[in-house]
Amino acid sequence: MKYKMLVFTLSLSCLLSCQTNKTVKKDLVTGLISQGNGISCQEVNLSDGNSSLQRNTFVYGEKFHLNFNNISGFKKVNNLVFPGMELLVTGQKGDTIMHNPDLYGDGSSGIDISPLLLQAKITAANPIHSNGTYTLNVNIWDKKSKGTFKSEIDFTVTPNKHLEIENNSVLYDEIYLFSKERNSVITDNQAKFNENIYMIFEGLEGFKIEDGKANLGLSIMGTDSKGEIILNEVDLVGDSTIEVNELKNRLSPNFIFSGSNIENPVTCEITIWDKKSESRIKATVELSIK
């Protein structure tokens, strides 16, 4: 009798699962939670676009993907499926940081890829900031039926660990390296010869302001591993002044290491100082130029 009751219980559980077609999965490493209702997915994972990622911490400016591999359960119309995908990033207080109501737009043409791969791409940069924790929600639905699939993950953004910041009475929002040629933030310490590299300072405050302007100096110095100076700009601003709005928005000094032979690593120091007060800030990074 007990055996029959057990079989009946298991059968009932299986029947309910099959009838509702609901699935819940959690990745214990990343904390990624996925839940389907009418739509199921063989694998949901994070990647850098090429390789799978087993982490939920990203460097400011880093790009990552949330992949839905072999997702199924969509109603087919002429062998086409019509998915919708909402992307929402919220802050720790529940405030909306990023929102796209449908990454696939009207989707009028449909998709005939099999097995079906859907993908959401995130860049951990403004309006996302370093030293913050966020929640990413991706909601998928079938535009031709009632099927849904949802994934949620908390992630943390950190500044580039290769950047060292020293400051005296200066506040800032972000400081990071940017490559013009790659059109992306440099999230490590790798650079190339003849590459336009920007050290970007955002949200600078703390300098003396007169008539809406600051009288600043800005120097760039680069030395190789032997201590030889290979770049030396004493003051790129000179007698000019800088508008306060430019400081609050973005100050972007750039530099290029030309040639083909440098003793790595190269230490690059960028210093911004107030000529009317003691306020100053210095960003230092060791780069490997290849």
C-alpha atoms as a PDB file:
ATOM      1  CA  MET A   1       0.000   0.000   0.000  1.00  0.00           C
ATOM      2  CA  LYS A   2       2.805   2.403   0.877  1.00  0.00           C
ATOM      3  CA  TYR A   3       4.484   1.516  -2.403  1.00  0.00           C
ATOM      4  CA  LYS A   4       1.328   2.287  -4.371  1.00  0.00           C
ATOM      5  CA  MET A   5       0.880   5.602  -2.568  1.00  0.00           C
ATOM      6  CA  LEU A   6       4.487   6.563  -3.368  1.00  0.00           C
ATOM      7  CA  VAL A   7       4.032   5.724  -7.034  1.00  0.00           C
ATOM      8  CA  PHE A   8       0.794   7.727  -7.096  1.00  0.00           C
ATOM      9  CA  THR A   9       2.500  10.733  -5.469  1.00  0.00           C
ATOM     10  CA  LEU A  10       5.404  10.666  -7.924  1.00  0.00           C
ATOM     11  CA  SER A  11       3.042  10.287 -10.859  1.00  0.00           C
ATOM     12  CA  LEU A  12       0.918  13.205  -9.671  1.00  0.00           C
ATOM     13  CA  SER A  13       4.025  15.381  -9.252  1.00  0.00           C
ATOM     14  CA  CYS A  14       5.197  14.517 -12.749  1.00  0.00           C
ATOM     15  CA  LEU A  15       1.731  15.162 -14.158  1.00  0.00           C
ATOM     16  CA  LEU A  16       1.521  18.616 -12.570  1.00  0.00           C
ATOM     17  CA  SER A  17       5.011  19.472 -13.824  1.00  0.00           C
ATOM     18  CA  CYS A  18       4.154  18.390 -17.350  1.00  0.00           C
ATOM     19  CA  GLN A  19       0.846  20.213 -17.317  1.00  0.00           C
ATOM     20  CA  THR A  20       2.244  23.516 -16.074  1.00  0.00           C
ATOM     21  CA  ASN A  21       5.583  23.192 -17.937  1.00  0.00           C
ATOM     22  CA  LYS A  22       7.262  25.307 -15.266  1.00  0.00           C
ATOM     23  CA  THR A  23      11.000  25.162 -14.572  1.00  0.00           C
ATOM     24  CA  VAL A  24      13.210  26.836 -11.980  1.00  0.00           C
ATOM     25  CA  LYS A  25      17.013  26.680 -12.032  1.00  0.00           C
ATOM     26  CA  LYS A  26      19.720  28.375  -9.957  1.00  0.00           C
ATOM     27  CA  ASP A  27      23.454  28.584 -10.662  1.00  0.00           C
ATOM     28  CA  LEU A  28      25.121  28.228  -7.259  1.00  0.00           C
ATOM     29  CA  VAL A  29      28.356  29.845  -8.503  1.00  0.00           C
ATOM     30  CA  THR A  30      26.991  33.032 -10.088  1.00  0.00           C
ATOM     31  CA  GLY A  31      23.626  33.179  -8.324  1.00  0.00           C
ATOM     32  CA  LEU A  32      21.814  33.278 -11.686  1.00  0.00           C
ATOM     33  CA  ILE A  33      18.154  32.257 -11.268  1.00  0.00           C
ATOM     34  CA  SER A  34      15.970  31.242 -14.230  1.00  0.00           C
ATOM     35  CA  GLN A  35      12.281  30.396 -14.289  1.00  0.00           C
ATOM     36  CA  GLY A  36      10.199  29.270 -17.237  1.00  0.00           C
ATOM     37  CA  ASN A  37       6.458  29.021 -17.742  1.00  0.00           C
ATOM     38  CA  GLY A  38       5.599  27.437 -21.056  1.00  0.00           C
ATOM     39  CA  ILE A  39       9.112  28.227 -22.335  1.00  0.00           C
ATOM     40  CA  SER A  40      12.153  26.169 -21.335  1.00  0.00           C
ATOM     41  CA  CYS A  41      15.878  26.592 -21.907  1.00  0.00           C
ATOM     42  CA  GLN A  42      18.545  23.903 -22.017  1.00  0.00           C
ATOM     43  CA  GLU A  43      21.272  26.232 -20.687  1.00  0.00           C
ATOM     44  CA  VAL A  44      21.417  29.806 -19.403  1.00  0.00           C
ATOM     45  CA  ASN A  45      24.921  31.147 -18.821  1.00  0.00           C
ATOM     46  CA  LEU A  46      27.158  34.197 -18.715  1.00  0.00           C
ATOM     47  CA  SER A  47      29.930  34.743 -21.237  1.00  0.00           C
ATOM     48  CA  ASP A  48      32.321  37.376 -22.532  1.00  0.00           C
ATOM     49  CA  GLY A  49      30.994  36.757 -26.026  1.00  0.00           C
ATOM     50  CA  ASN A  50      33.327  33.812 -26.577  1.00  0.00           C
ATOM     51  CA  SER A  51      34.010  31.938 -23.348  1.00  0.00           C
ATOM     52  CA  SER A  52      31.684  31.054 -20.500  1.00  0.00           C
ATOM     53  CA  LEU A  53      32.078  33.083 -17.290  1.00  0.00           C
ATOM     54  CA  GLN A  54      31.738  31.628 -13.795  1.00  0.00           C
ATOM     55  CA  ARG A  55      31.576  34.932 -11.923  1.00  0.00           C
ATOM     56  CA  ASN A  56      29.257  37.859 -11.311  1.00  0.00           C
ATOM     57  CA  THR A  57      31.860  40.589 -10.720  1.00  0.00           C
ATOM     58  CA  PHE A  58      32.930  42.765 -13.647  1.00  0.00           C
ATOM     59  CA  VAL A  59      35.458  45.534 -14.216  1.00  0.00           C
ATOM     60  CA  TYR A  60      34.035  48.944 -15.103  1.00  0.00           C
ATOM     61  CA  GLY A  61      33.578  49.029 -18.876  1.00  0.00           C
ATOM     62  CA  GLU A  62      33.604  45.244 -19.253  1.00  0.00           C
ATOM     63  CA  LYS A  63      31.067  43.667 -21.604  1.00  0.00           C
ATOM     64  CA  PHE A  64      29.240  40.458 -20.818  1.00  0.00           C
ATOM     65  CA  HIS A  65      26.417  38.404 -22.295  1.00  0.00           C
ATOM     66  CA  LEU A  66      23.514  36.505 -20.802  1.00  0.00           C
ATOM     67  CA  ASN A  67      22.950  33.589 -23.181  1.00  0.00           C
ATOM     68  CA  PHE A  68      19.827  31.475 -23.558  1.00  0.00           C
ATOM     69  CA  ASN A  69      21.028  28.370 -25.399  1.00  0.00           C
ATOM     70  CA  ASN A  70      18.505  26.084 -27.074  1.00  0.00           C
ATOM     71  CA  ILE A  71      15.464  27.906 -25.741  1.00  0.00           C
ATOM     72  CA  SER A  72      12.199  26.299 -26.813  1.00  0.00           C
ATOM     73  CA  GLY A  73       8.438  26.324 -26.319  1.00  0.00           C
ATOM     74  CA  PHE A  74       7.575  29.173 -28.688  1.00  0.00           C
ATOM     75  CA  LYS A  75       4.549  28.823 -30.925  1.00  0.00           C
ATOM     76  CA  LYS A  76       5.667  28.496 -34.537  1.00  0.00           C
ATOM     77  CA  VAL A  77       4.003  30.404 -37.344  1.00  0.00           C
ATOM     78  CA  ASN A  78       5.236  29.290 -40.781  1.00  0.00           C
ATOM     79  CA  ASN A  79       8.243  27.724 -38.981  1.00  0.00           C
ATOM     80  CA  LEU A  80       9.103  31.093 -37.419  1.00  0.00           C
ATOM     81  CA  VAL A  81       9.122  32.072 -33.743  1.00  0.00           C
ATOM     82  CA  PHE A  82       8.513  35.550 -32.363  1.00  0.00           C
ATOM     83  CA  PRO A  83      10.310  36.200 -29.055  1.00  0.00           C
ATOM     84  CA  GLY A  84      10.303  39.406 -27.050  1.00  0.00           C
ATOM     85  CA  MET A  85      13.066  40.268 -24.589  1.00  0.00           C
ATOM     86  CA  GLU A  86      12.944  42.951 -21.895  1.00  0.00           C
ATOM     87  CA  LEU A  87      16.179  44.046 -20.206  1.00  0.00           C
ATOM     88  CA  LEU A  88      16.115  45.823 -16.851  1.00  0.00           C
ATOM     89  CA  VAL A  89      19.021  46.831 -14.593  1.00  0.00           C
ATOM     90  CA  THR A  90      18.193  48.199 -11.156  1.00  0.00           C
ATOM     91  CA  GLY A  91      20.308  49.612  -8.338  1.00  0.00           C
ATOM     92  CA  GLN A  92      20.416  48.527  -4.716  1.00  0.00           C
ATOM     93  CA  LYS A  93      17.498  50.819  -3.883  1.00  0.00           C
ATOM     94  CA  GLY A  94      15.387  49.373  -6.687  1.00  0.00           C
ATOM     95  CA  ASP A  95      15.899  52.423  -8.901  1.00  0.00           C
ATOM     96  CA  THR A  96      15.936  51.863 -12.654  1.00  0.00           C
ATOM     97  CA  ILE A  97      19.437  52.204 -14.130  1.00  0.00           C
ATOM     98  CA  MET A  98      18.879  50.755 -17.612  1.00  0.00           C
ATOM     99  CA  HIS A  99      15.718  49.606 -19.349  1.00  0.00           C
ATOM    100  CA  ASN A 100      14.946  48.310 -22.811  1.00  0.00           C
ATOM    101  CA  PRO A 101      11.328  47.107 -23.127  1.00  0.00           C
ATOM    102  CA  ASP A 102      12.125  44.822 -26.069  1.00  0.00           C
ATOM    103  CA  LEU A 103      15.575  44.095 -27.481  1.00  0.00           C
ATOM    104  CA  TYR A 104      13.931  42.401 -30.467  1.00  0.00           C
ATOM    105  CA  GLY A 105      11.684  45.346 -31.333  1.00  0.00           C
ATOM    106  CA  ASP A 106       8.514  44.538 -33.221  1.00  0.00           C
ATOM    107  CA  GLY A 107      10.039  41.230 -34.390  1.00  0.00           C
ATOM    108  CA  SER A 108       7.685  41.220 -37.361  1.00  0.00           C
ATOM    109  CA  SER A 109      10.013  39.071 -39.490  1.00  0.00           C
ATOM    110  CA  GLY A 110      10.342  36.279 -36.925  1.00  0.00           C
ATOM    111  CA  ILE A 111      13.309  33.960 -36.298  1.00  0.00           C
ATOM    112  CA  ASP A 112      13.966  30.559 -37.878  1.00  0.00           C
ATOM    113  CA  ILE A 113      17.246  29.631 -36.123  1.00  0.00           C
ATOM    114  CA  SER A 114      17.422  26.106 -34.711  1.00  0.00           C
ATOM    115  CA  PRO A 115      18.479  25.420 -32.038  1.00  0.00           C
ATOM    116  CA  LEU A 116      17.402  28.873 -30.932  1.00  0.00           C
ATOM    117  CA  LEU A 117      19.915  31.113 -29.148  1.00  0.00           C
ATOM    118  CA  LEU A 118      18.769  34.374 -27.575  1.00  0.00           C
ATOM    119  CA  GLN A 119      21.250  36.789 -26.058  1.00  0.00           C
ATOM    120  CA  ALA A 120      21.296  39.949 -23.938  1.00  0.00           C
ATOM    121  CA  LYS A 121      24.461  42.065 -23.957  1.00  0.00           C
ATOM    122  CA  ILE A 122      25.457  44.380 -21.098  1.00  0.00           C
ATOM    123  CA  THR A 123      28.264  46.944 -20.858  1.00  0.00           C
ATOM    124  CA  ALA A 124      29.147  47.671 -17.229  1.00  0.00           C
ATOM    125  CA  ALA A 125      29.614  51.404 -17.793  1.00  0.00           C
ATOM    126  CA  ASN A 126      27.712  54.679 -17.379  1.00  0.00           C
ATOM    127  CA  PRO A 127      24.944  54.829 -16.145  1.00  0.00           C
ATOM    128  CA  ILE A 128      26.333  51.821 -14.268  1.00  0.00           C
ATOM    129  CA  HIS A 129      29.193  52.796 -11.936  1.00  0.00           C
ATOM    130  CA  SER A 130      32.067  51.027 -10.218  1.00  0.00           C
ATOM    131  CA  ASN A 131      31.873  50.066  -6.534  1.00  0.00           C
ATOM    132  CA  GLY A 132      28.196  49.308  -7.001  1.00  0.00           C
ATOM    133  CA  THR A 133      25.960  46.234  -6.958  1.00  0.00           C
ATOM    134  CA  TYR A 134      23.124  45.853  -9.450  1.00  0.00           C
ATOM    135  CA  THR A 135      20.378  43.432 -10.419  1.00  0.00           C
ATOM    136  CA  LEU A 136      19.885  42.340 -14.019  1.00  0.00           C
ATOM    137  CA  ASN A 137      16.470  41.028 -15.048  1.00  0.00           C
ATOM    138  CA  VAL A 138      15.847  39.596 -18.505  1.00  0.00           C
ATOM    139  CA  ASN A 139      12.240  38.718 -19.304  1.00  0.00           C
ATOM    140  CA  ILE A 140      11.470  36.694 -22.425  1.00  0.00           C
ATOM    141  CA  TRP A 141       7.986  36.099 -23.784  1.00  0.00           C
ATOM    142  CA  ASP A 142       6.319  34.534 -26.791  1.00  0.00           C
ATOM    143  CA  LYS A 143       4.531  37.136 -28.895  1.00  0.00           C
ATOM    144  CA  LYS A 144       2.287  34.419 -30.341  1.00  0.00           C
ATOM    145  CA  SER A 145       1.320  32.650 -27.090  1.00  0.00           C
ATOM    146  CA  LYS A 146       1.466  33.048 -23.300  1.00  0.00           C
ATOM    147  CA  GLY A 147       4.863  31.420 -22.690  1.00  0.00           C
ATOM    148  CA  THR A 148       7.429  33.292 -20.568  1.00  0.00           C
ATOM    149  CA  PHE A 149      10.982  32.787 -19.317  1.00  0.00           C
ATOM    150  CA  LYS A 150      12.746  34.986 -16.763  1.00  0.00           C
ATOM    151  CA  SER A 151      16.321  35.233 -15.510  1.00  0.00           C
ATOM    152  CA  GLU A 152      17.751  37.335 -12.708  1.00  0.00           C
ATOM    153  CA  ILE A 153      21.289  37.887 -11.438  1.00  0.00           C
ATOM    154  CA  ASP A 154      22.975  40.280  -9.033  1.00  0.00           C
ATOM    155  CA  PHE A 155      26.338  41.606 -10.218  1.00  0.00           C
ATOM    156  CA  THR A 156      29.036  43.883  -8.848  1.00  0.00           C
ATOM    157  CA  VAL A 157      31.188  46.381 -10.761  1.00  0.00           C
ATOM    158  CA  THR A 158      34.738  47.200  -9.667  1.00  0.00           C
ATOM    159  CA  PRO A 159      37.272  49.776 -10.908  1.00  0.00           C
ATOM    160  CA  ASN A 160      40.283  48.630 -12.932  1.00  0.00           C
ATOM    161  CA  LYS A 161      42.665  47.157 -10.348  1.00  0.00           C
ATOM    162  CA  HIS A 162      45.665  48.321 -12.405  1.00  0.00           C
ATOM    163  CA  LEU A 163      44.771  51.984 -11.817  1.00  0.00           C
ATOM    164  CA  GLU A 164      46.159  53.667  -8.701  1.00  0.00           C
ATOM    165  CA  ILE A 165      44.542  56.941  -7.675  1.00  0.00           C
ATOM    166  CA  GLU A 166      46.040  59.544  -5.345  1.00  0.00           C
ATOM    167  CA  ASN A 167      44.116  62.715  -4.613  1.00  0.00           C
ATOM    168  CA  ASN A 168      44.067  65.714  -2.351  1.00  0.00           C
ATOM    169  CA  SER A 169      40.646  67.368  -1.870  1.00  0.00           C
ATOM    170  CA  VAL A 170      39.406  66.182  -5.285  1.00  0.00           C
ATOM    171  CA  LEU A 171      36.245  64.139  -5.844  1.00  0.00           C
ATOM    172  CA  TYR A 172      35.440  62.106  -8.960  1.00  0.00           C
ATOM    173  CA  ASP A 173      32.809  59.716 -10.305  1.00  0.00           C
ATOM    174  CA  GLU A 174      34.950  57.467 -12.505  1.00  0.00           C
ATOM    175  CA  ILE A 175      38.515  57.211 -13.774  1.00  0.00           C
ATOM    176  CA  TYR A 176      39.267  54.690 -16.503  1.00  0.00           C
ATOM    177  CA  LEU A 177      41.320  53.977 -19.621  1.00  0.00           C
ATOM    178  CA  PHE A 178      39.750  54.065 -23.072  1.00  0.00           C
ATOM    179  CA  SER A 179      41.053  52.934 -26.461  1.00  0.00           C
ATOM    180  CA  LYS A 180      39.966  54.987 -29.471  1.00  0.00           C
ATOM    181  CA  GLU A 181      40.872  52.247 -31.940  1.00  0.00           C
ATOM    182  CA  ARG A 182      38.981  49.546 -30.041  1.00  0.00           C
ATOM    183  CA  ASN A 183      36.193  51.957 -29.089  1.00  0.00           C
ATOM    184  CA  SER A 184      36.043  50.364 -25.671  1.00  0.00           C
ATOM    185  CA  VAL A 185      37.211  50.731 -22.091  1.00  0.00           C
ATOM    186  CA  ILE A 186      40.544  49.066 -21.322  1.00  0.00           C
ATOM    187  CA  THR A 187      39.692  46.760 -18.431  1.00  0.00           C
ATOM    188  CA  ASP A 188      43.195  45.344 -17.910  1.00  0.00           C
ATOM    189  CA  ASN A 189      46.700  46.766 -18.489  1.00  0.00           C
ATOM    190  CA  GLN A 190      47.231  45.721 -22.110  1.00  0.00           C
ATOM    191  CA  ALA A 191      47.803  48.326 -24.837  1.00  0.00           C
ATOM    192  CA  LYS A 192      49.260  48.460 -28.327  1.00  0.00           C
ATOM    193  CA  PHE A 193      51.889  50.551 -30.053  1.00  0.00           C
ATOM    194  CA  ASN A 194      50.456  53.635 -31.787  1.00  0.00           C
ATOM    195  CA  GLU A 195      47.154  53.192 -29.960  1.00  0.00           C
ATOM    196  CA  ASN A 196      45.294  56.322 -28.866  1.00  0.00           C
ATOM    197  CA  ILE A 197      44.788  55.810 -25.135  1.00  0.00           C
ATOM    198  CA  TYR A 198      42.642  58.151 -23.071  1.00  0.00           C
ATOM    199  CA  MET A 199      42.738  58.468 -19.304  1.00  0.00           C
ATOM    200  CA  ILE A 200      39.198  59.634 -18.674  1.00  0.00           C
ATOM    201  CA  PHE A 201      38.255  61.566 -15.542  1.00  0.00           C
ATOM    202  CA  GLU A 202      34.510  61.966 -14.981  1.00  0.00           C
ATOM    203  CA  GLY A 203      32.733  64.139 -12.416  1.00  0.00           C
ATOM    204  CA  LEU A 204      35.766  66.062 -11.143  1.00  0.00           C
ATOM    205  CA  GLU A 205      35.087  68.425  -8.229  1.00  0.00           C
ATOM    206  CA  GLY A 206      37.147  70.192  -5.583  1.00  0.00           C
ATOM    207  CA  PHE A 207      39.079  72.730  -7.653  1.00  0.00           C
ATOM    208  CA  LYS A 208      38.808  76.475  -7.108  1.00  0.00           C
ATOM    209  CA  ILE A 209      36.280  77.927  -9.541  1.00  0.00           C
ATOM    210  CA  GLU A 210      36.350  81.563 -10.680  1.00  0.00           C
ATOM    211  CA  ASP A 211      33.811  82.876 -13.192  1.00  0.00           C
ATOM    212  CA  GLY A 212      32.787  79.305 -14.004  1.00  0.00           C
ATOM    213  CA  LYS A 213      36.341  78.247 -14.834  1.00  0.00           C
ATOM    214  CA  ALA A 214      39.236  76.429 -13.173  1.00  0.00           C
ATOM    215  CA  ASN A 215      42.912  77.249 -13.600  1.00  0.00           C
ATOM    216  CA  LEU A 216      44.481  73.811 -13.805  1.00  0.00           C
ATOM    217  CA  GLY A 217      47.672  72.131 -14.844  1.00  0.00           C
ATOM    218  CA  LEU A 218      47.809  68.700 -16.483  1.00  0.00           C
ATOM    219  CA  SER A 219      50.944  66.622 -16.922  1.00  0.00           C
ATOM    220  CA  ILE A 220      51.643  63.219 -18.463  1.00  0.00           C
ATOM    221  CA  MET A 221      54.803  61.247 -17.771  1.00  0.00           C
ATOM    222  CA  GLY A 222      55.731  57.792 -19.049  1.00  0.00           C
ATOM    223  CA  THR A 223      58.741  55.754 -17.945  1.00  0.00           C
ATOM    224  CA  ASP A 224      59.826  52.275 -18.994  1.00  0.00           C
ATOM    225  CA  SER A 225      60.887  49.439 -16.692  1.00  0.00           C
ATOM    226  CA  LYS A 226      64.470  50.795 -16.638  1.00  0.00           C
ATOM    227  CA  GLY A 227      63.299  54.194 -15.425  1.00  0.00           C
ATOM    228  CA  GLU A 228      63.941  55.948 -18.740  1.00  0.00           C
ATOM    229  CA  ILE A 229      61.494  58.743 -19.544  1.00  0.00           C
ATOM    230  CA  ILE A 230      59.747  58.015 -22.842  1.00  0.00           C
ATOM    231  CA  LEU A 231      56.912  60.536 -22.520  1.00  0.00           C
ATOM    232  CA  ASN A 232      56.981  63.871 -20.727  1.00  0.00           C
ATOM    233  CA  GLU A 233      54.297  66.534 -21.093  1.00  0.00           C
ATOM    234  CA  VAL A 234      54.853  69.089 -18.317  1.00  0.00           C
ATOM    235  CA  ASP A 235      51.586  71.033 -18.665  1.00  0.00           C
ATOM    236  CA  LEU A 236      49.151  70.435 -21.495  1.00  0.00           C
ATOM    237  CA  VAL A 237      46.788  73.179 -20.306  1.00  0.00           C
ATOM    238  CA  GLY A 238      49.312  76.009 -20.091  1.00  0.00           C
ATOM    239  CA  ASP A 239      47.734  79.446 -19.632  1.00  0.00           C
ATOM    240  CA  SER A 240      44.265  78.245 -20.622  1.00  0.00           C
ATOM    241  CA  THR A 241      41.393  77.631 -18.232  1.00  0.00           C
ATOM    242  CA  ILE A 242      38.857  74.803 -18.149  1.00  0.00           C
ATOM    243  CA  GLU A 243      35.090  75.268 -17.943  1.00  0.00           C
ATOM    244  CA  VAL A 244      33.538  73.816 -14.797  1.00  0.00           C
ATOM    245  CA  ASN A 245      30.971  71.938 -16.900  1.00  0.00           C
ATOM    246  CA  GLU A 246      33.784  70.196 -18.761  1.00  0.00           C
ATOM    247  CA  LEU A 247      35.311  69.099 -15.461  1.00  0.00           C
ATOM    248  CA  LYS A 248      32.016  67.724 -14.197  1.00  0.00           C
ATOM    249  CA  ASN A 249      31.364  65.951 -17.477  1.00  0.00           C
ATOM    250  CA  ARG A 250      34.675  64.546 -18.693  1.00  0.00           C
ATOM    251  CA  LEU A 251      38.350  65.440 -18.927  1.00  0.00           C
ATOM    252  CA  SER A 252      40.148  63.155 -21.389  1.00  0.00           C
ATOM    253  CA  PRO A 253      43.926  63.568 -21.740  1.00  0.00           C
ATOM    254  CA  ASN A 254      45.341  61.098 -24.243  1.00  0.00           C
ATOM    255  CA  PHE A 255      48.715  59.647 -25.097  1.00  0.00           C
ATOM    256  CA  ILE A 256      50.329  57.356 -27.678  1.00  0.00           C
ATOM    257  CA  PHE A 257      53.369  55.123 -27.354  1.00  0.00           C
ATOM    258  CA  SER A 258      54.916  54.954 -30.809  1.00  0.00           C
ATOM    259  CA  GLY A 259      57.650  52.696 -32.129  1.00  0.00           C
ATOM    260  CA  SER A 260      57.951  48.954 -31.766  1.00  0.00           C
ATOM    261  CA  ASN A 261      60.334  48.333 -28.894  1.00  0.00           C
ATOM    262  CA  ILE A 262      59.698  49.400 -25.294  1.00  0.00           C
ATOM    263  CA  GLU A 263      60.964  47.899 -22.067  1.00  0.00           C
ATOM    264  CA  ASN A 264      57.726  46.774 -20.416  1.00  0.00           C
ATOM    265  CA  PRO A 265      55.949  47.546 -18.215  1.00  0.00           C
ATOM    266  CA  VAL A 266      55.526  51.253 -18.894  1.00  0.00           C
ATOM    267  CA  THR A 267      54.436  53.399 -15.966  1.00  0.00           C
ATOM    268  CA  CYS A 268      52.168  56.253 -16.998  1.00  0.00           C
ATOM    269  CA  GLU A 269      51.304  59.054 -14.565  1.00  0.00           C
ATOM    270  CA  ILE A 270      48.699  61.703 -15.267  1.00  0.00           C
ATOM    271  CA  THR A 271      48.455  64.533 -12.751  1.00  0.00           C
ATOM    272  CA  ILE A 272      45.846  67.284 -12.624  1.00  0.00           C
ATOM    273  CA  TRP A 273      46.479  70.110 -10.181  1.00  0.00           C
ATOM    274  CA  ASP A 274      44.847  73.379  -9.218  1.00  0.00           C
ATOM    275  CA  LYS A 275      47.079  76.402  -9.782  1.00  0.00           C
ATOM    276  CA  LYS A 276      44.994  78.385  -7.286  1.00  0.00           C
ATOM    277  CA  SER A 277      44.856  75.848  -4.425  1.00  0.00           C
ATOM    278  CA  GLU A 278      46.413  72.631  -3.108  1.00  0.00           C
ATOM    279  CA  SER A 279      43.852  70.378  -4.801  1.00  0.00           C
ATOM    280  CA  ARG A 280      45.316  67.709  -7.068  1.00  0.00           C
ATOM    281  CA  ILE A 281      44.713  64.202  -8.338  1.00  0.00           C
ATOM    282  CA  LYS A 282      47.075  61.674  -9.901  1.00  0.00           C
ATOM    283  CA  ALA A 283      46.248  58.475 -11.784  1.00  0.00           C
ATOM    284  CA  THR A 284      49.004  55.906 -12.305  1.00  0.00           C
ATOM    285  CA  VAL A 285      48.908  52.749 -14.389  1.00  0.00           C
ATOM    286  CA  GLU A 286      51.485  50.167 -15.448  1.00  0.00           C
ATOM    287  CA  LEU A 287      50.873  49.192 -19.061  1.00  0.00           C
ATOM    288  CA  SER A 288      52.202  46.346 -21.141  1.00  0.00           C
ATOM    289  CA  ILE A 289      52.669  47.723 -24.671  1.00  0.00           C
ATOM    290  CA  LYS A 290      52.661  45.190 -27.505  1.00  0.00           C
END
